[in-house]
């Protein structure tokens, strides 16, 4: 989230043709979906691996990446009719910019 990464982040998005969306700061109601997802991450992952934040940050990040992969590709979601976000997205927006074919879970 640091401003020192802004330039590199913007260049990477542009190089890959990824559209960037902004929200207004300090407006959690505008960010309801993001805020709910942050809560899900906190309650389903961080609370169980918080010790790694202080002892092995690289391991925490790897476990988080694995969990996010599971969350999006294997975990059924009630709101999506017990489908995964990826299957729902591919069904309803096949032209989306998400490419999962090269995503590999950590070992």
PDB file of N, CA and C in Angstrom:
ATOM      1  N   UNK A   1       0.805  -1.205   0.000  1.00  0.00           N
ATOM      2  CA  UNK A   1       0.000   0.000   0.000  1.00  0.00           C
ATOM      3  C   UNK A   1       0.842   1.260   0.000  1.00  0.00           C
ATOM      4  N   UNK A   2       2.133   1.122   0.113  1.00  0.00           N
ATOM      5  CA  UNK A   2       3.003   2.286   0.217  1.00  0.00           C
ATOM      6  C   UNK A   2       3.112   3.060  -1.077  1.00  0.00           C
ATOM      7  N   UNK A   3       3.202   4.375  -0.947  1.00  0.00           N
ATOM      8  CA  UNK A   3       3.315   5.228  -2.131  1.00  0.00           C
ATOM      9  C   UNK A   3       4.607   4.965  -2.898  1.00  0.00           C
ATOM     10  N   UNK A   4       5.598   4.366  -2.237  1.00  0.00           N
ATOM     11  CA  UNK A   4       6.857   4.080  -2.934  1.00  0.00           C
ATOM     12  C   UNK A   4       6.684   3.022  -4.023  1.00  0.00           C
ATOM     13  N   UNK A   5       5.571   2.280  -3.990  1.00  0.00           N
ATOM     14  CA  UNK A   5       5.308   1.248  -4.987  1.00  0.00           C
ATOM     15  C   UNK A   5       4.353   1.718  -6.082  1.00  0.00           C
ATOM     16  N   UNK A   6       3.785   2.881  -5.939  1.00  0.00           N
ATOM     17  CA  UNK A   6       2.750   3.375  -6.851  1.00  0.00           C
ATOM     18  C   UNK A   6       3.214   3.388  -8.303  1.00  0.00           C
ATOM     19  N   UNK A   7       4.384   3.932  -8.558  1.00  0.00           N
ATOM     20  CA  UNK A   7       4.866   4.059  -9.927  1.00  0.00           C
ATOM     21  C   UNK A   7       5.048   2.692 -10.582  1.00  0.00           C
ATOM     22  N   UNK A   8       5.705   1.778  -9.882  1.00  0.00           N
ATOM     23  CA  UNK A   8       5.918   0.432 -10.432  1.00  0.00           C
ATOM     24  C   UNK A   8       4.599  -0.291 -10.641  1.00  0.00           C
ATOM     25  N   UNK A   9       3.692  -0.143  -9.701  1.00  0.00           N
ATOM     26  CA  UNK A   9       2.384  -0.793  -9.812  1.00  0.00           C
ATOM     27  C   UNK A   9       1.630  -0.273 -11.035  1.00  0.00           C
ATOM     28  N   UNK A  10       1.604   1.050 -11.198  1.00  0.00           N
ATOM     29  CA  UNK A  10       0.903   1.654 -12.331  1.00  0.00           C
ATOM     30  C   UNK A  10       1.514   1.203 -13.658  1.00  0.00           C
ATOM     31  N   UNK A  11       2.841   1.134 -13.720  1.00  0.00           N
ATOM     32  CA  UNK A  11       3.507   0.691 -14.951  1.00  0.00           C
ATOM     33  C   UNK A  11       3.193  -0.766 -15.269  1.00  0.00           C
ATOM     34  N   UNK A  12       3.155  -1.606 -14.244  1.00  0.00           N
ATOM     35  CA  UNK A  12       2.845  -3.018 -14.447  1.00  0.00           C
ATOM     36  C   UNK A  12       1.416  -3.195 -14.960  1.00  0.00           C
ATOM     37  N   UNK A  13       0.478  -2.482 -14.355  1.00  0.00           N
ATOM     38  CA  UNK A  13      -0.904  -2.562 -14.820  1.00  0.00           C
ATOM     39  C   UNK A  13      -1.010  -2.130 -16.276  1.00  0.00           C
ATOM     40  N   UNK A  14      -0.361  -1.035 -16.604  1.00  0.00           N
ATOM     41  CA  UNK A  14      -0.418  -0.530 -17.978  1.00  0.00           C
ATOM     42  C   UNK A  14       0.223  -1.510 -18.954  1.00  0.00           C
ATOM     43  N   UNK A  15       1.352  -2.081 -18.579  1.00  0.00           N
ATOM     44  CA  UNK A  15       2.047  -3.026 -19.457  1.00  0.00           C
ATOM     45  C   UNK A  15       1.203  -4.264 -19.753  1.00  0.00           C
ATOM     46  N   UNK A  16       0.361  -4.653 -18.803  1.00  0.00           N
ATOM     47  CA  UNK A  16      -0.476  -5.832 -18.987  1.00  0.00           C
ATOM     48  C   UNK A  16      -1.898  -5.484 -19.428  1.00  0.00           C
ATOM     49  N   UNK A  17      -2.158  -4.205 -19.660  1.00  0.00           N
ATOM     50  CA  UNK A  17      -3.477  -3.785 -20.128  1.00  0.00           C
ATOM     51  C   UNK A  17      -4.580  -3.998 -19.109  1.00  0.00           C
ATOM     52  N   UNK A  18      -4.240  -3.865 -17.831  1.00  0.00           N
ATOM     53  CA  UNK A  18      -5.215  -4.080 -16.769  1.00  0.00           C
ATOM     54  C   UNK A  18      -5.819  -2.751 -16.352  1.00  0.00           C
ATOM     55  N   UNK A  19      -7.128  -2.696 -16.375  1.00  0.00           N
ATOM     56  CA  UNK A  19      -7.846  -1.487 -15.980  1.00  0.00           C
ATOM     57  C   UNK A  19      -7.801  -1.331 -14.468  1.00  0.00           C
ATOM     58  N   UNK A  20      -7.591  -0.118 -14.010  1.00  0.00           N
ATOM     59  CA  UNK A  20      -7.509   0.161 -12.574  1.00  0.00           C
ATOM     60  C   UNK A  20      -8.728   0.964 -12.143  1.00  0.00           C
ATOM     61  N   UNK A  21      -9.301   0.563 -11.035  1.00  0.00           N
ATOM     62  CA  UNK A  21     -10.457   1.264 -10.493  1.00  0.00           C
ATOM     63  C   UNK A  21     -10.067   1.869  -9.158  1.00  0.00           C
ATOM     64  N   UNK A  22     -10.572   3.064  -8.893  1.00  0.00           N
ATOM     65  CA  UNK A  22     -10.294   3.754  -7.637  1.00  0.00           C
ATOM     66  C   UNK A  22     -11.579   3.915  -6.833  1.00  0.00           C
ATOM     67  N   UNK A  23     -11.428   3.986  -5.542  1.00  0.00           N
ATOM     68  CA  UNK A  23     -12.529   4.345  -4.660  1.00  0.00           C
ATOM     69  C   UNK A  23     -12.066   5.513  -3.812  1.00  0.00           C
ATOM     70  N   UNK A  24     -13.006   6.205  -3.218  1.00  0.00           N
ATOM     71  CA  UNK A  24     -12.655   7.336  -2.377  1.00  0.00           C
ATOM     72  C   UNK A  24     -12.112   6.841  -1.042  1.00  0.00           C
ATOM     73  N   UNK A  25     -11.077   7.504  -0.520  1.00  0.00           N
ATOM     74  CA  UNK A  25     -10.543   7.087   0.773  1.00  0.00           C
ATOM     75  C   UNK A  25     -11.556   7.300   1.895  1.00  0.00           C
ATOM     76  N   UNK A  26     -11.465   6.440   2.895  1.00  0.00           N
ATOM     77  CA  UNK A  26     -12.281   6.532   4.106  1.00  0.00           C
ATOM     78  C   UNK A  26     -13.779   6.478   3.816  1.00  0.00           C
ATOM     79  N   UNK A  27     -14.152   5.645   2.843  1.00  0.00           N
ATOM     80  CA  UNK A  27     -15.570   5.455   2.525  1.00  0.00           C
ATOM     81  C   UNK A  27     -15.871   3.956   2.492  1.00  0.00           C
ATOM     82  N   UNK A  28     -15.929   3.326   3.674  1.00  0.00           N
ATOM     83  CA  UNK A  28     -16.131   1.880   3.700  1.00  0.00           C
ATOM     84  C   UNK A  28     -17.443   1.425   3.083  1.00  0.00           C
ATOM     85  N   UNK A  29     -18.471   2.273   3.094  1.00  0.00           N
ATOM     86  CA  UNK A  29     -19.728   1.870   2.467  1.00  0.00           C
ATOM     87  C   UNK A  29     -19.567   1.737   0.959  1.00  0.00           C
ATOM     88  N   UNK A  30     -18.722   2.568   0.378  1.00  0.00           N
ATOM     89  CA  UNK A  30     -18.456   2.484  -1.052  1.00  0.00           C
ATOM     90  C   UNK A  30     -17.656   1.213  -1.369  1.00  0.00           C
ATOM     91  N   UNK A  31     -16.896   0.767  -0.396  1.00  0.00           N
ATOM     92  CA  UNK A  31     -16.029  -0.397  -0.547  1.00  0.00           C
ATOM     93  C   UNK A  31     -16.615  -1.632   0.121  1.00  0.00           C
ATOM     94  N   UNK A  32     -17.891  -1.771   0.180  1.00  0.00           N
ATOM     95  CA  UNK A  32     -18.517  -2.840   0.964  1.00  0.00           C
ATOM     96  C   UNK A  32     -17.984  -4.219   0.603  1.00  0.00           C
ATOM     97  N   UNK A  33     -17.815  -4.514  -0.662  1.00  0.00           N
ATOM     98  CA  UNK A  33     -17.341  -5.835  -1.066  1.00  0.00           C
ATOM     99  C   UNK A  33     -15.893  -6.058  -0.631  1.00  0.00           C
ATOM    100  N   UNK A  34     -15.079  -5.032  -0.785  1.00  0.00           N
ATOM    101  CA  UNK A  34     -13.680  -5.140  -0.366  1.00  0.00           C
ATOM    102  C   UNK A  34     -13.592  -5.300   1.142  1.00  0.00           C
ATOM    103  N   UNK A  35     -14.360  -4.516   1.871  1.00  0.00           N
ATOM    104  CA  UNK A  35     -14.341  -4.609   3.333  1.00  0.00           C
ATOM    105  C   UNK A  35     -14.800  -5.992   3.791  1.00  0.00           C
ATOM    106  N   UNK A  36     -15.792  -6.556   3.144  1.00  0.00           N
ATOM    107  CA  UNK A  36     -16.268  -7.887   3.513  1.00  0.00           C
ATOM    108  C   UNK A  36     -15.212  -8.928   3.203  1.00  0.00           C
ATOM    109  N   UNK A  37     -14.531  -8.779   2.072  1.00  0.00           N
ATOM    110  CA  UNK A  37     -13.467  -9.722   1.731  1.00  0.00           C
ATOM    111  C   UNK A  37     -12.313  -9.611   2.720  1.00  0.00           C
ATOM    112  N   UNK A  38     -11.964  -8.389   3.114  1.00  0.00           N
ATOM    113  CA  UNK A  38     -10.916  -8.219   4.118  1.00  0.00           C
ATOM    114  C   UNK A  38     -11.281  -8.943   5.412  1.00  0.00           C
ATOM    115  N   UNK A  39     -12.544  -8.857   5.794  1.00  0.00           N
ATOM    116  CA  UNK A  39     -13.007  -9.557   6.993  1.00  0.00           C
ATOM    117  C   UNK A  39     -12.894 -11.078   6.812  1.00  0.00           C
ATOM    118  N   UNK A  40     -13.256 -11.569   5.633  1.00  0.00           N
ATOM    119  CA  UNK A  40     -13.145 -12.999   5.360  1.00  0.00           C
ATOM    120  C   UNK A  40     -11.695 -13.456   5.473  1.00  0.00           C
ATOM    121  N   UNK A  41     -10.773 -12.698   4.889  1.00  0.00           N
ATOM    122  CA  UNK A  41      -9.349 -13.044   4.988  1.00  0.00           C
ATOM    123  C   UNK A  41      -8.917 -13.064   6.447  1.00  0.00           C
ATOM    124  N   UNK A  42      -9.317 -12.045   7.184  1.00  0.00           N
ATOM    125  CA  UNK A  42      -8.937 -11.963   8.594  1.00  0.00           C
ATOM    126  C   UNK A  42      -9.447 -13.168   9.371  1.00  0.00           C
ATOM    127  N   UNK A  43     -10.738 -13.457   9.228  1.00  0.00           N
ATOM    128  CA  UNK A  43     -11.359 -14.517  10.031  1.00  0.00           C
ATOM    129  C   UNK A  43     -11.007 -15.927   9.560  1.00  0.00           C
ATOM    130  N   UNK A  44     -10.787 -16.105   8.270  1.00  0.00           N
ATOM    131  CA  UNK A  44     -10.551 -17.448   7.744  1.00  0.00           C
ATOM    132  C   UNK A  44      -9.079 -17.797   7.589  1.00  0.00           C
ATOM    133  N   UNK A  45      -8.222 -16.778   7.552  1.00  0.00           N
ATOM    134  CA  UNK A  45      -6.804 -17.083   7.348  1.00  0.00           C
ATOM    135  C   UNK A  45      -5.895 -16.424   8.386  1.00  0.00           C
ATOM    136  N   UNK A  46      -5.912 -15.120   8.457  1.00  0.00           N
ATOM    137  CA  UNK A  46      -4.951 -14.405   9.301  1.00  0.00           C
ATOM    138  C   UNK A  46      -5.052 -14.821  10.765  1.00  0.00           C
ATOM    139  N   UNK A  47      -6.257 -14.938  11.288  1.00  0.00           N
ATOM    140  CA  UNK A  47      -6.415 -15.310  12.695  1.00  0.00           C
ATOM    141  C   UNK A  47      -5.764 -16.656  13.016  1.00  0.00           C
ATOM    142  N   UNK A  48      -5.653 -17.532  12.030  1.00  0.00           N
ATOM    143  CA  UNK A  48      -5.063 -18.856  12.240  1.00  0.00           C
ATOM    144  C   UNK A  48      -3.559 -18.902  11.959  1.00  0.00           C
ATOM    145  N   UNK A  49      -3.029 -17.881  11.312  1.00  0.00           N
ATOM    146  CA  UNK A  49      -1.609 -17.876  10.936  1.00  0.00           C
ATOM    147  C   UNK A  49      -0.892 -16.604  11.395  1.00  0.00           C
ATOM    148  N   UNK A  50      -1.477 -15.912  12.324  1.00  0.00           N
ATOM    149  CA  UNK A  50      -0.931 -14.624  12.768  1.00  0.00           C
ATOM    150  C   UNK A  50       0.494 -14.750  13.303  1.00  0.00           C
ATOM    151  N   UNK A  51       0.813 -15.868  13.938  1.00  0.00           N
ATOM    152  CA  UNK A  51       2.160 -16.046  14.476  1.00  0.00           C
ATOM    153  C   UNK A  51       3.220 -15.951  13.386  1.00  0.00           C
ATOM    154  N   UNK A  52       2.895 -16.402  12.161  1.00  0.00           N
ATOM    155  CA  UNK A  52       3.859 -16.338  11.060  1.00  0.00           C
ATOM    156  C   UNK A  52       4.172 -14.904  10.635  1.00  0.00           C
ATOM    157  N   UNK A  53       3.264 -13.983  10.893  1.00  0.00           N
ATOM    158  CA  UNK A  53       3.527 -12.582  10.562  1.00  0.00           C
ATOM    159  C   UNK A  53       4.761 -12.067  11.292  1.00  0.00           C
ATOM    160  N   UNK A  54       5.017 -12.625  12.456  1.00  0.00           N
ATOM    161  CA  UNK A  54       6.127 -12.155  13.279  1.00  0.00           C
ATOM    162  C   UNK A  54       7.332 -13.075  13.251  1.00  0.00           C
ATOM    163  N   UNK A  55       7.136 -14.302  12.783  1.00  0.00           N
ATOM    164  CA  UNK A  55       8.238 -15.256  12.804  1.00  0.00           C
ATOM    165  C   UNK A  55       8.740 -15.649  11.420  1.00  0.00           C
ATOM    166  N   UNK A  56       7.874 -15.672  10.421  1.00  0.00           N
ATOM    167  CA  UNK A  56       8.273 -16.103   9.076  1.00  0.00           C
ATOM    168  C   UNK A  56       7.337 -15.480   8.039  1.00  0.00           C
ATOM    169  N   UNK A  57       7.595 -14.236   7.702  1.00  0.00           N
ATOM    170  CA  UNK A  57       6.728 -13.489   6.794  1.00  0.00           C
ATOM    171  C   UNK A  57       6.653 -14.140   5.411  1.00  0.00           C
ATOM    172  N   UNK A  58       7.769 -14.669   4.933  1.00  0.00           N
ATOM    173  CA  UNK A  58       7.757 -15.327   3.616  1.00  0.00           C
ATOM    174  C   UNK A  58       6.819 -16.538   3.636  1.00  0.00           C
ATOM    175  N   UNK A  59       6.847 -17.306   4.704  1.00  0.00           N
ATOM    176  CA  UNK A  59       5.952 -18.471   4.829  1.00  0.00           C
ATOM    177  C   UNK A  59       4.495 -18.027   4.934  1.00  0.00           C
ATOM    178  N   UNK A  60       4.256 -16.937   5.681  1.00  0.00           N
ATOM    179  CA  UNK A  60       2.901 -16.387   5.781  1.00  0.00           C
ATOM    180  C   UNK A  60       2.389 -16.017   4.396  1.00  0.00           C
ATOM    181  N   UNK A  61       3.201 -15.304   3.621  1.00  0.00           N
ATOM    182  CA  UNK A  61       2.788 -14.880   2.281  1.00  0.00           C
ATOM    183  C   UNK A  61       2.537 -16.069   1.368  1.00  0.00           C
ATOM    184  N   UNK A  62       3.361 -17.120   1.466  1.00  0.00           N
ATOM    185  CA  UNK A  62       3.146 -18.309   0.642  1.00  0.00           C
ATOM    186  C   UNK A  62       1.843 -19.002   1.026  1.00  0.00           C
ATOM    187  N   UNK A  63       1.599 -19.134   2.325  1.00  0.00           N
ATOM    188  CA  UNK A  63       0.364 -19.754   2.786  1.00  0.00           C
ATOM    189  C   UNK A  63      -0.855 -18.921   2.366  1.00  0.00           C
ATOM    190  N   UNK A  64      -0.724 -17.590   2.426  1.00  0.00           N
ATOM    191  CA  UNK A  64      -1.816 -16.719   1.999  1.00  0.00           C
ATOM    192  C   UNK A  64      -2.091 -16.889   0.507  1.00  0.00           C
ATOM    193  N   UNK A  65      -1.044 -16.961  -0.302  1.00  0.00           N
ATOM    194  CA  UNK A  65      -1.224 -17.169  -1.742  1.00  0.00           C
ATOM    195  C   UNK A  65      -1.925 -18.507  -2.002  1.00  0.00           C
ATOM    196  N   UNK A  66      -1.524 -19.537  -1.269  1.00  0.00           N
ATOM    197  CA  UNK A  66      -2.180 -20.846  -1.423  1.00  0.00           C
ATOM    198  C   UNK A  66      -3.648 -20.768  -1.009  1.00  0.00           C
ATOM    199  N   UNK A  67      -3.921 -20.068   0.096  1.00  0.00           N
ATOM    200  CA  UNK A  67      -5.296 -19.951   0.572  1.00  0.00           C
ATOM    201  C   UNK A  67      -6.154 -19.184  -0.440  1.00  0.00           C
ATOM    202  N   UNK A  68      -5.608 -18.100  -1.004  1.00  0.00           N
ATOM    203  CA  UNK A  68      -6.349 -17.321  -1.997  1.00  0.00           C
ATOM    204  C   UNK A  68      -6.642 -18.162  -3.243  1.00  0.00           C
ATOM    205  N   UNK A  69      -5.686 -18.979  -3.635  1.00  0.00           N
ATOM    206  CA  UNK A  69      -5.907 -19.869  -4.766  1.00  0.00           C
ATOM    207  C   UNK A  69      -7.040 -20.852  -4.452  1.00  0.00           C
ATOM    208  N   UNK A  70      -7.008 -21.434  -3.258  1.00  0.00           N
ATOM    209  CA  UNK A  70      -8.086 -22.320  -2.819  1.00  0.00           C
ATOM    210  C   UNK A  70      -9.423 -21.579  -2.790  1.00  0.00           C
ATOM    211  N   UNK A  71      -9.429 -20.388  -2.214  1.00  0.00           N
ATOM    212  CA  UNK A  71     -10.659 -19.590  -2.061  1.00  0.00           C
ATOM    213  C   UNK A  71     -11.308 -19.323  -3.418  1.00  0.00           C
ATOM    214  N   UNK A  72     -10.506 -19.034  -4.414  1.00  0.00           N
ATOM    215  CA  UNK A  72     -11.037 -18.653  -5.728  1.00  0.00           C
ATOM    216  C   UNK A  72     -11.278 -19.814  -6.678  1.00  0.00           C
ATOM    217  N   UNK A  73     -10.623 -20.951  -6.453  1.00  0.00           N
ATOM    218  CA  UNK A  73     -10.726 -22.035  -7.430  1.00  0.00           C
ATOM    219  C   UNK A  73     -11.367 -23.309  -6.904  1.00  0.00           C
ATOM    220  N   UNK A  74     -11.441 -23.488  -5.572  1.00  0.00           N
ATOM    221  CA  UNK A  74     -11.962 -24.738  -5.029  1.00  0.00           C
ATOM    222  C   UNK A  74     -13.093 -24.557  -4.026  1.00  0.00           C
ATOM    223  N   UNK A  75     -13.096 -23.479  -3.284  1.00  0.00           N
ATOM    224  CA  UNK A  75     -14.073 -23.294  -2.207  1.00  0.00           C
ATOM    225  C   UNK A  75     -15.421 -22.865  -2.773  1.00  0.00           C
ATOM    226  N   UNK A  76     -16.482 -23.636  -2.529  1.00  0.00           N
ATOM    227  CA  UNK A  76     -17.813 -23.228  -2.987  1.00  0.00           C
ATOM    228  C   UNK A  76     -18.303 -22.012  -2.198  1.00  0.00           C
ATOM    229  N   UNK A  77     -18.981 -21.118  -2.871  1.00  0.00           N
ATOM    230  CA  UNK A  77     -19.498 -19.905  -2.247  1.00  0.00           C
ATOM    231  C   UNK A  77     -21.027 -19.927  -2.298  1.00  0.00           C
ATOM    232  N   UNK A  78     -21.635 -19.741  -1.158  1.00  0.00           N
ATOM    233  CA  UNK A  78     -23.094 -19.771  -1.058  1.00  0.00           C
ATOM    234  C   UNK A  78     -23.743 -18.794  -2.035  1.00  0.00           C
ATOM    235  N   UNK A  79     -23.266 -17.575  -2.055  1.00  0.00           N
ATOM    236  CA  UNK A  79     -23.866 -16.520  -2.893  1.00  0.00           C
ATOM    237  C   UNK A  79     -23.745 -16.823  -4.385  1.00  0.00           C
ATOM    238  N   UNK A  80     -22.789 -17.692  -4.747  1.00  0.00           N
ATOM    239  CA  UNK A  80     -22.586 -18.032  -6.161  1.00  0.00           C
ATOM    240  C   UNK A  80     -23.226 -19.377  -6.509  1.00  0.00           C
ATOM    241  N   UNK A  81     -24.182 -19.809  -5.707  1.00  0.00           N
ATOM    242  CA  UNK A  81     -24.848 -21.078  -5.977  1.00  0.00           C
ATOM    243  C   UNK A  81     -23.942 -22.275  -5.754  1.00  0.00           C
ATOM    244  N   UNK A  82     -23.108 -22.192  -4.730  1.00  0.00           N
ATOM    245  CA  UNK A  82     -22.153 -23.253  -4.377  1.00  0.00           C
ATOM    246  C   UNK A  82     -21.108 -23.495  -5.469  1.00  0.00           C
ATOM    247  N   UNK A  83     -20.836 -22.466  -6.252  1.00  0.00           N
ATOM    248  CA  UNK A  83     -19.764 -22.541  -7.252  1.00  0.00           C
ATOM    249  C   UNK A  83     -18.571 -21.743  -6.763  1.00  0.00           C
ATOM    250  N   UNK A  84     -17.435 -21.963  -7.381  1.00  0.00           N
ATOM    251  CA  UNK A  84     -16.242 -21.190  -7.047  1.00  0.00           C
ATOM    252  C   UNK A  84     -16.289 -19.853  -7.778  1.00  0.00           C
ATOM    253  N   UNK A  85     -15.598 -18.844  -7.266  1.00  0.00           N
ATOM    254  CA  UNK A  85     -15.555 -17.567  -7.990  1.00  0.00           C
ATOM    255  C   UNK A  85     -15.021 -17.715  -9.414  1.00  0.00           C
ATOM    256  N   UNK A  86     -14.013 -18.558  -9.592  1.00  0.00           N
ATOM    257  CA  UNK A  86     -13.463 -18.732 -10.935  1.00  0.00           C
ATOM    258  C   UNK A  86     -14.487 -19.321 -11.896  1.00  0.00           C
ATOM    259  N   UNK A  87     -15.190 -20.365 -11.480  1.00  0.00           N
ATOM    260  CA  UNK A  87     -16.175 -20.961 -12.392  1.00  0.00           C
ATOM    261  C   UNK A  87     -17.310 -19.986 -12.685  1.00  0.00           C
ATOM    262  N   UNK A  88     -17.727 -19.225 -11.682  1.00  0.00           N
ATOM    263  CA  UNK A  88     -18.771 -18.227 -11.887  1.00  0.00           C
ATOM    264  C   UNK A  88     -18.303 -17.143 -12.862  1.00  0.00           C
ATOM    265  N   UNK A  89     -17.084 -16.666 -12.668  1.00  0.00           N
ATOM    266  CA  UNK A  89     -16.533 -15.622 -13.526  1.00  0.00           C
ATOM    267  C   UNK A  89     -16.404 -16.092 -14.967  1.00  0.00           C
ATOM    268  N   UNK A  90     -15.884 -17.279 -15.148  1.00  0.00           N
ATOM    269  CA  UNK A  90     -15.710 -17.782 -16.506  1.00  0.00           C
ATOM    270  C   UNK A  90     -17.044 -18.024 -17.204  1.00  0.00           C
ATOM    271  N   UNK A  91     -18.063 -18.378 -16.443  1.00  0.00           N
ATOM    272  CA  UNK A  91     -19.386 -18.578 -17.037  1.00  0.00           C
ATOM    273  C   UNK A  91     -20.020 -17.253 -17.442  1.00  0.00           C
ATOM    274  N   UNK A  92     -19.875 -16.240 -16.593  1.00  0.00           N
ATOM    275  CA  UNK A  92     -20.592 -14.984 -16.820  1.00  0.00           C
ATOM    276  C   UNK A  92     -19.767 -13.901 -17.504  1.00  0.00           C
ATOM    277  N   UNK A  93     -18.459 -14.024 -17.469  1.00  0.00           N
ATOM    278  CA  UNK A  93     -17.601 -13.042 -18.131  1.00  0.00           C
ATOM    279  C   UNK A  93     -16.399 -13.747 -18.751  1.00  0.00           C
ATOM    280  N   UNK A  94     -16.620 -14.543 -19.774  1.00  0.00           N
ATOM    281  CA  UNK A  94     -15.507 -15.312 -20.348  1.00  0.00           C
ATOM    282  C   UNK A  94     -14.411 -14.435 -20.958  1.00  0.00           C
ATOM    283  N   UNK A  95     -14.715 -13.183 -21.215  1.00  0.00           N
ATOM    284  CA  UNK A  95     -13.719 -12.292 -21.810  1.00  0.00           C
ATOM    285  C   UNK A  95     -12.869 -11.585 -20.757  1.00  0.00           C
ATOM    286  N   UNK A  96     -13.002 -11.949 -19.486  1.00  0.00           N
ATOM    287  CA  UNK A  96     -12.311 -11.253 -18.402  1.00  0.00           C
ATOM    288  C   UNK A  96     -10.798 -11.352 -18.540  1.00  0.00           C
ATOM    289  N   UNK A  97     -10.105 -10.518 -17.774  1.00  0.00           N
ATOM    290  CA  UNK A  97      -8.650 -10.434 -17.840  1.00  0.00           C
ATOM    291  C   UNK A  97      -7.956 -11.407 -16.892  1.00  0.00           C
ATOM    292  N   UNK A  98      -8.682 -12.281 -16.255  1.00  0.00           N
ATOM    293  CA  UNK A  98      -8.064 -13.182 -15.289  1.00  0.00           C
ATOM    294  C   UNK A  98      -7.553 -14.432 -15.989  1.00  0.00           C
ATOM    295  N   UNK A  99      -6.279 -14.673 -15.892  1.00  0.00           N
ATOM    296  CA  UNK A  99      -5.668 -15.847 -16.499  1.00  0.00           C
ATOM    297  C   UNK A  99      -5.125 -16.733 -15.393  1.00  0.00           C
ATOM    298  N   UNK A 100      -5.716 -17.905 -15.220  1.00  0.00           N
ATOM    299  CA  UNK A 100      -5.369 -18.799 -14.115  1.00  0.00           C
ATOM    300  C   UNK A 100      -4.536 -19.982 -14.569  1.00  0.00           C
ATOM    301  N   UNK A 101      -4.293 -20.092 -15.832  1.00  0.00           N
ATOM    302  CA  UNK A 101      -3.648 -21.320 -16.320  1.00  0.00           C
ATOM    303  C   UNK A 101      -2.229 -21.490 -15.821  1.00  0.00           C
ATOM    304  N   UNK A 102      -1.570 -20.413 -15.408  1.00  0.00           N
ATOM    305  CA  UNK A 102      -0.182 -20.518 -14.956  1.00  0.00           C
ATOM    306  C   UNK A 102      -0.066 -20.370 -13.441  1.00  0.00           C
ATOM    307  N   UNK A 103      -1.151 -20.431 -12.738  1.00  0.00           N
ATOM    308  CA  UNK A 103      -1.125 -20.296 -11.288  1.00  0.00           C
ATOM    309  C   UNK A 103      -0.914 -21.663 -10.659  1.00  0.00           C
ATOM    310  N   UNK A 104       0.128 -21.796  -9.873  1.00  0.00           N
ATOM    311  CA  UNK A 104       0.444 -23.065  -9.225  1.00  0.00           C
ATOM    312  C   UNK A 104       0.468 -22.875  -7.726  1.00  0.00           C
ATOM    313  N   UNK A 105      -0.195 -23.738  -6.986  1.00  0.00           N
ATOM    314  CA  UNK A 105      -0.115 -23.633  -5.521  1.00  0.00           C
ATOM    315  C   UNK A 105       1.289 -23.977  -5.039  1.00  0.00           C
ATOM    316  N   UNK A 106       1.667 -23.396  -3.907  1.00  0.00           N
ATOM    317  CA  UNK A 106       2.976 -23.691  -3.323  1.00  0.00           C
ATOM    318  C   UNK A 106       3.035 -25.113  -2.791  1.00  0.00           C
ATOM    319  N   UNK A 107       4.213 -25.580  -2.632  1.00  0.00           N
ATOM    320  CA  UNK A 107       4.383 -26.958  -2.148  1.00  0.00           C
ATOM    321  C   UNK A 107       4.875 -26.947  -0.725  1.00  0.00           C
TER     322      UNK A 107
END
